[in-house]
Amino acid sequence: MWKQKLCLGLMGGPGNSVPEQIAELKEVGYDAFFTGWRAGAKVADWAKAAKESQMIYQSIHVGWDHAAHMWHGDEELGNAGIAEMTACLEDCARAEVPIMVAHAFVGFRDHSPTEIGLERFGKVIRAAEKLGVQIAFENTEGEEYLDALLKAFWNDKTVGFCWDSGHEMCYNQSRDLLARYGEKLIATHLNDNLGISSFDGEIAVRDDLHLLPFDGIADWKYNAERLDRCGYRGILTFELSTHSKPHRHENDKYMRMPRQEYLAESYNRACRVSALRKLHMAD
């Protein structure tokens, strides 16, 4: 889209290799993509496919198996988390992917950041600094952990914020996290949902739907205005899902759509979100 690059996370699926998915996104209009990561991921091959397709490899999302262990795990588990994140950062650096997205925490019960957690993440941040890769910490459940990390490393240019618009609604009680952390914003995960479904306000993974924008209750004009207020000029990245959560059916309609039709519709919605912004149009 004119003056605003748009990005979508690869969603996989049977019979669709990463290079094929990159080509599909290029065909429907996207400028960029991001991938997940596990040990042994063929990041170099994916970066090669991106260059051949003239697509931007916007970021890599490291796994979150050890996110809680970084704060509350024993030495062995904590070191495993450090090793996993560092290996992902090394892949980012080799493939010239500028950002690694990481969950600050995973879990709904613990709400107590620890000094050992800050020390462990500090080691990962120092590794990122040496490799020339930024880390974008994402808002998820356990908002206290994100707050602790961003406060501790606020002045570190290696550390930034990845705003997940859907998580803000279903995990963070719709508190305005861009007002709090927008100065550190370096990446977005834009998606929609229906907010918190439990009458007593319990937050749960079942509500993290990752719907297409405008299919949920998000106020996208408000979201666009907030992005403008914090001066964000980076790529607009969308993180969407065609799969419904267990015992939910909101995403079922996406599964019934032909893949290219769904991707084209996702691009349509991304353009609609972008068109609500004013900042990039005035550049």
Protein backbone atom coordinates (compact mmCIF):
# COMPACT_ATOMS: atom_id res chain seq x y z
CA MET A 1 0.00 0.00 0.00
CA TRP A 2 1.17 3.53 -0.78
CA LYS A 3 3.51 4.86 1.95
CA GLN A 4 2.78 1.94 4.31
CA LYS A 5 4.41 -1.47 4.07
CA LEU A 6 2.19 -4.34 5.19
CA CYS A 7 3.28 -7.66 6.66
CA LEU A 8 1.60 -10.95 7.56
CA GLY A 9 2.86 -13.83 9.66
CA LEU A 10 3.14 -17.09 7.75
CA MET A 11 0.37 -19.47 8.75
CA GLY A 12 1.54 -22.73 7.22
CA GLY A 13 -0.83 -25.49 6.25
CA PRO A 14 -0.55 -28.83 4.49
CA GLY A 15 1.27 -28.67 1.17
CA ASN A 16 2.45 -25.10 1.58
CA SER A 17 6.20 -24.71 1.97
CA VAL A 18 7.59 -21.47 3.36
CA PRO A 19 8.83 -20.29 -0.07
CA GLU A 20 5.37 -21.01 -1.50
CA GLN A 21 3.74 -19.02 1.30
CA ILE A 22 6.10 -16.10 0.70
CA ALA A 23 5.17 -16.11 -2.98
CA GLU A 24 1.46 -16.20 -2.08
CA LEU A 25 1.78 -13.15 0.16
CA LYS A 26 3.68 -11.31 -2.55
CA GLU A 27 0.96 -12.11 -5.08
CA VAL A 28 -1.88 -10.70 -2.98
CA GLY A 29 0.01 -7.49 -2.21
CA TYR A 30 1.96 -7.85 1.04
CA ASP A 31 5.44 -6.35 1.29
CA ALA A 32 6.77 -8.46 4.17
CA PHE A 33 6.31 -11.56 6.31
CA PHE A 34 7.46 -13.00 9.61
CA THR A 35 8.03 -16.58 10.71
CA GLY A 36 8.11 -18.59 13.88
CA TRP A 37 11.25 -20.39 15.00
CA ARG A 38 12.39 -23.69 16.44
CA ALA A 39 15.88 -25.18 16.60
CA GLY A 40 16.85 -26.34 13.13
CA ALA A 41 14.54 -23.88 11.35
CA LYS A 42 15.67 -23.29 7.77
CA VAL A 43 15.99 -19.56 8.25
CA ALA A 44 18.75 -19.14 5.65
CA ASP A 45 16.57 -20.81 3.01
CA TRP A 46 13.61 -18.63 3.94
CA ALA A 47 15.75 -15.49 3.74
CA LYS A 48 16.95 -16.60 0.29
CA ALA A 49 13.35 -17.08 -0.85
CA ALA A 50 12.49 -13.63 0.51
CA LYS A 51 15.23 -11.98 -1.53
CA GLU A 52 14.22 -13.87 -4.66
CA SER A 53 10.63 -12.68 -4.17
CA GLN A 54 11.73 -9.14 -3.21
CA MET A 55 9.95 -9.52 0.10
CA ILE A 56 11.04 -8.18 3.49
CA TYR A 57 11.73 -10.76 6.20
CA GLN A 58 10.40 -8.51 8.94
CA SER A 59 11.01 -10.56 12.10
CA ILE A 60 11.34 -14.00 13.66
CA HIS A 61 9.14 -14.98 16.59
CA VAL A 62 11.12 -17.14 19.00
CA GLY A 63 9.26 -19.96 20.76
CA TRP A 64 7.83 -19.40 24.23
CA ASP A 65 8.38 -22.77 25.88
CA HIS A 66 10.98 -21.28 28.21
CA ALA A 67 9.46 -17.82 28.71
CA ALA A 68 8.26 -18.59 32.25
CA HIS A 69 11.42 -20.57 33.01
CA MET A 70 13.47 -17.43 32.48
CA TRP A 71 11.82 -15.98 35.59
CA HIS A 72 10.95 -18.98 37.75
CA GLY A 73 12.90 -21.96 36.44
CA ASP A 74 15.93 -23.57 38.06
CA GLU A 75 19.41 -22.99 36.65
CA GLU A 76 19.09 -25.71 34.01
CA LEU A 77 15.75 -24.46 32.72
CA GLY A 78 16.88 -20.83 32.83
CA ASN A 79 20.01 -21.65 30.85
CA ALA A 80 17.89 -23.53 28.31
CA GLY A 81 15.82 -20.40 27.79
CA ILE A 82 18.92 -18.26 27.33
CA ALA A 83 20.36 -20.77 24.85
CA GLU A 84 17.12 -20.94 22.84
CA MET A 85 16.79 -17.18 22.49
CA THR A 86 20.46 -16.75 21.70
CA ALA A 87 20.30 -19.40 18.95
CA CYS A 88 17.31 -17.61 17.43
CA LEU A 89 19.17 -14.30 17.55
CA GLU A 90 22.11 -15.90 15.76
CA ASP A 91 19.78 -17.11 13.01
CA CYS A 92 18.33 -13.60 12.75
CA ALA A 93 21.79 -12.10 12.38
CA ARG A 94 22.93 -14.60 9.74
CA ALA A 95 19.75 -14.05 7.72
CA GLU A 96 19.81 -10.26 8.24
CA VAL A 97 16.42 -10.30 9.93
CA PRO A 98 16.42 -7.16 12.12
CA ILE A 99 13.97 -8.11 14.89
CA MET A 100 13.34 -11.10 17.14
CA VAL A 101 9.91 -11.02 18.79
CA ALA A 102 9.74 -12.68 22.21
CA HIS A 103 7.09 -13.22 24.87
CA ALA A 104 8.11 -11.68 28.16
CA PHE A 105 6.16 -14.41 29.97
CA VAL A 106 3.67 -17.21 29.44
CA GLY A 107 1.19 -18.22 32.15
CA PHE A 108 -1.90 -17.00 33.96
CA ARG A 109 -1.07 -17.62 37.62
CA ASP A 110 2.33 -16.10 38.43
CA HIS A 111 2.56 -12.33 38.72
CA SER A 112 5.96 -11.82 40.36
CA PRO A 113 8.94 -10.84 38.19
CA THR A 114 12.28 -11.86 39.71
CA GLU A 115 15.78 -10.46 39.72
CA ILE A 116 17.14 -13.72 38.30
CA GLY A 117 14.72 -13.28 35.40
CA LEU A 118 16.07 -9.81 34.66
CA GLU A 119 19.62 -11.16 34.85
CA ARG A 120 18.84 -13.97 32.42
CA PHE A 121 17.10 -11.70 29.95
CA GLY A 122 20.01 -9.30 30.35
CA LYS A 123 22.35 -11.98 28.99
CA VAL A 124 20.08 -12.44 25.97
CA ILE A 125 19.93 -8.69 25.41
CA ARG A 126 23.74 -8.42 25.52
CA ALA A 127 23.95 -11.19 22.92
CA ALA A 128 21.43 -9.34 20.72
CA GLU A 129 23.47 -6.16 21.02
CA LYS A 130 26.62 -7.93 19.81
CA LEU A 131 24.75 -9.52 16.91
CA GLY A 132 23.03 -6.30 15.84
CA VAL A 133 19.49 -7.62 16.31
CA GLN A 134 16.69 -5.90 18.22
CA ILE A 135 14.38 -7.76 20.60
CA ALA A 136 10.71 -6.76 20.60
CA PHE A 137 9.03 -7.93 23.80
CA GLU A 138 5.32 -8.61 23.25
CA ASN A 139 2.38 -7.94 25.55
CA THR A 140 0.79 -11.21 26.60
CA GLU A 141 -0.62 -12.52 29.83
CA GLY A 142 1.59 -11.67 32.80
CA GLU A 143 1.78 -8.00 31.97
CA GLU A 144 3.97 -7.39 35.02
CA TYR A 145 6.85 -9.21 33.34
CA LEU A 146 6.74 -7.02 30.25
CA ASP A 147 6.66 -3.95 32.48
CA ALA A 148 9.66 -5.17 34.46
CA LEU A 149 11.71 -5.82 31.31
CA LEU A 150 10.90 -2.54 29.61
CA LYS A 151 11.56 -0.54 32.77
CA ALA A 152 14.88 -2.29 33.40
CA PHE A 153 16.10 -1.89 29.80
CA TRP A 154 14.20 1.23 28.74
CA ASN A 155 17.33 3.10 27.62
CA ASP A 156 18.75 0.13 25.72
CA LYS A 157 18.29 0.60 21.97
CA THR A 158 18.42 -3.18 21.53
CA VAL A 159 15.13 -3.53 23.42
CA GLY A 160 11.76 -2.59 21.98
CA PHE A 161 8.04 -3.29 22.28
CA CYS A 162 5.84 -5.44 20.03
CA TRP A 163 2.21 -4.37 20.44
CA ASP A 164 -0.32 -7.18 20.00
CA SER A 165 -3.66 -5.40 19.63
CA GLY A 166 -5.67 -8.56 20.31
CA HIS A 167 -3.70 -9.49 23.41
CA GLU A 168 -4.36 -6.00 24.75
CA MET A 169 -8.10 -6.69 24.64
CA CYS A 170 -8.21 -10.28 25.90
CA TYR A 171 -5.17 -10.42 28.22
CA ASN A 172 -4.58 -6.82 29.34
CA GLN A 173 -8.18 -5.68 30.02
CA SER A 174 -7.91 -3.18 27.12
CA ARG A 175 -5.48 -0.98 29.03
CA ASP A 176 -3.79 1.45 26.63
CA LEU A 177 -0.35 -0.14 26.35
CA LEU A 178 0.67 2.16 23.51
CA ALA A 179 0.28 5.13 25.85
CA ARG A 180 2.58 3.34 28.29
CA TYR A 181 5.17 1.81 25.96
CA GLY A 182 4.62 3.45 22.57
CA GLU A 183 7.96 5.23 22.69
CA LYS A 184 9.61 1.78 22.48
CA LEU A 185 7.34 0.41 19.72
CA ILE A 186 9.32 -1.37 16.97
CA ALA A 187 6.82 -4.01 15.79
CA THR A 188 3.12 -4.79 15.74
CA HIS A 189 0.97 -7.93 15.83
CA LEU A 190 -2.40 -6.62 14.70
CA ASN A 191 -5.50 -8.80 15.04
CA ASP A 192 -9.04 -8.74 16.39
CA ASN A 193 -11.10 -10.69 18.92
CA LEU A 194 -14.20 -10.45 21.12
CA GLY A 195 -12.49 -9.40 24.32
CA ILE A 196 -12.72 -11.31 27.60
CA SER A 197 -15.57 -13.82 27.46
CA SER A 198 -15.68 -14.82 31.13
CA PHE A 199 -18.28 -12.92 33.18
CA ASP A 200 -15.89 -12.78 36.14
CA GLY A 201 -13.11 -11.27 34.02
CA GLU A 202 -10.86 -14.33 33.99
CA ILE A 203 -8.30 -14.10 31.20
CA ALA A 204 -7.70 -17.27 29.20
CA VAL A 205 -6.10 -18.42 25.97
CA ARG A 206 -9.54 -19.30 24.54
CA ASP A 207 -10.16 -15.59 23.90
CA ASP A 208 -6.98 -15.00 21.87
CA LEU A 209 -8.74 -15.51 18.52
CA HIS A 210 -6.51 -13.64 16.04
CA LEU A 211 -9.47 -12.72 13.84
CA LEU A 212 -9.24 -10.54 10.76
CA PRO A 213 -9.51 -6.84 11.62
CA PHE A 214 -13.16 -5.69 11.73
CA ASP A 215 -14.42 -9.21 12.52
CA GLY A 216 -14.23 -8.57 16.27
CA ILE A 217 -14.93 -5.67 18.62
CA ALA A 218 -11.69 -3.68 18.22
CA ASP A 219 -12.03 0.03 17.48
CA TRP A 220 -9.60 0.30 14.58
CA LYS A 221 -9.95 4.08 14.22
CA TYR A 222 -8.86 4.36 17.86
CA ASN A 223 -6.00 1.92 17.28
CA ALA A 224 -4.82 3.87 14.22
CA GLU A 225 -4.94 7.14 16.15
CA ARG A 226 -2.85 5.61 18.94
CA LEU A 227 -0.26 4.34 16.47
CA ASP A 228 -0.05 7.84 15.05
CA ARG A 229 0.26 9.43 18.51
CA CYS A 230 3.29 7.32 19.37
CA GLY A 231 4.89 8.20 16.02
CA TYR A 232 5.16 4.66 14.68
CA ARG A 233 6.44 4.64 11.08
CA GLY A 234 7.47 0.99 10.82
CA ILE A 235 5.93 -1.90 8.93
CA LEU A 236 2.34 -2.74 9.94
CA THR A 237 2.45 -6.42 10.80
CA PHE A 238 -0.64 -8.60 11.19
CA GLU A 239 -0.75 -11.90 13.10
CA LEU A 240 -3.86 -13.83 12.09
CA SER A 241 -5.19 -17.36 12.38
CA THR A 242 -7.58 -19.51 10.36
CA HIS A 243 -7.97 -21.97 13.25
CA SER A 244 -10.59 -21.64 15.98
CA LYS A 245 -9.65 -22.15 19.61
CA PRO A 246 -10.94 -25.37 21.24
CA HIS A 247 -14.71 -25.15 21.78
CA ARG A 248 -14.82 -21.89 19.81
CA HIS A 249 -16.00 -21.43 16.23
CA GLU A 250 -15.27 -17.83 15.28
CA ASN A 251 -12.46 -18.76 12.87
CA ASP A 252 -14.30 -21.68 11.23
CA LYS A 253 -15.45 -19.51 8.33
CA TYR A 254 -11.82 -18.80 7.43
CA MET A 255 -11.11 -22.52 7.13
CA ARG A 256 -13.92 -22.82 4.61
CA MET A 257 -12.44 -20.12 2.39
CA PRO A 258 -10.01 -21.02 -0.41
CA ARG A 259 -6.53 -20.07 0.76
CA GLN A 260 -5.95 -17.33 -1.83
CA GLU A 261 -9.37 -15.83 -1.07
CA TYR A 262 -8.55 -15.67 2.63
CA LEU A 263 -5.14 -14.09 2.01
CA ALA A 264 -6.65 -11.55 -0.36
CA GLU A 265 -9.31 -10.68 2.23
CA SER A 266 -6.65 -10.34 4.93
CA TYR A 267 -4.78 -7.89 2.68
CA ASN A 268 -8.01 -5.97 2.10
CA ARG A 269 -8.50 -5.62 5.87
CA ALA A 270 -4.85 -4.64 6.36
CA CYS A 271 -5.27 -1.87 3.79
CA ARG A 272 -8.40 -0.66 5.58
CA VAL A 273 -6.50 -0.43 8.87
CA SER A 274 -3.62 1.39 7.19
CA ALA A 275 -5.99 3.86 5.53
CA LEU A 276 -7.22 4.98 8.96
CA ARG A 277 -3.77 6.29 9.83
CA LYS A 278 -2.74 9.89 9.20
CA LEU A 279 0.95 9.94 10.10
CA HIS A 280 2.37 7.98 7.18
CA MET A 281 0.12 9.75 4.69
CA ALA A 282 1.71 13.09 5.64
CA ASP A 283 5.32 11.89 5.25
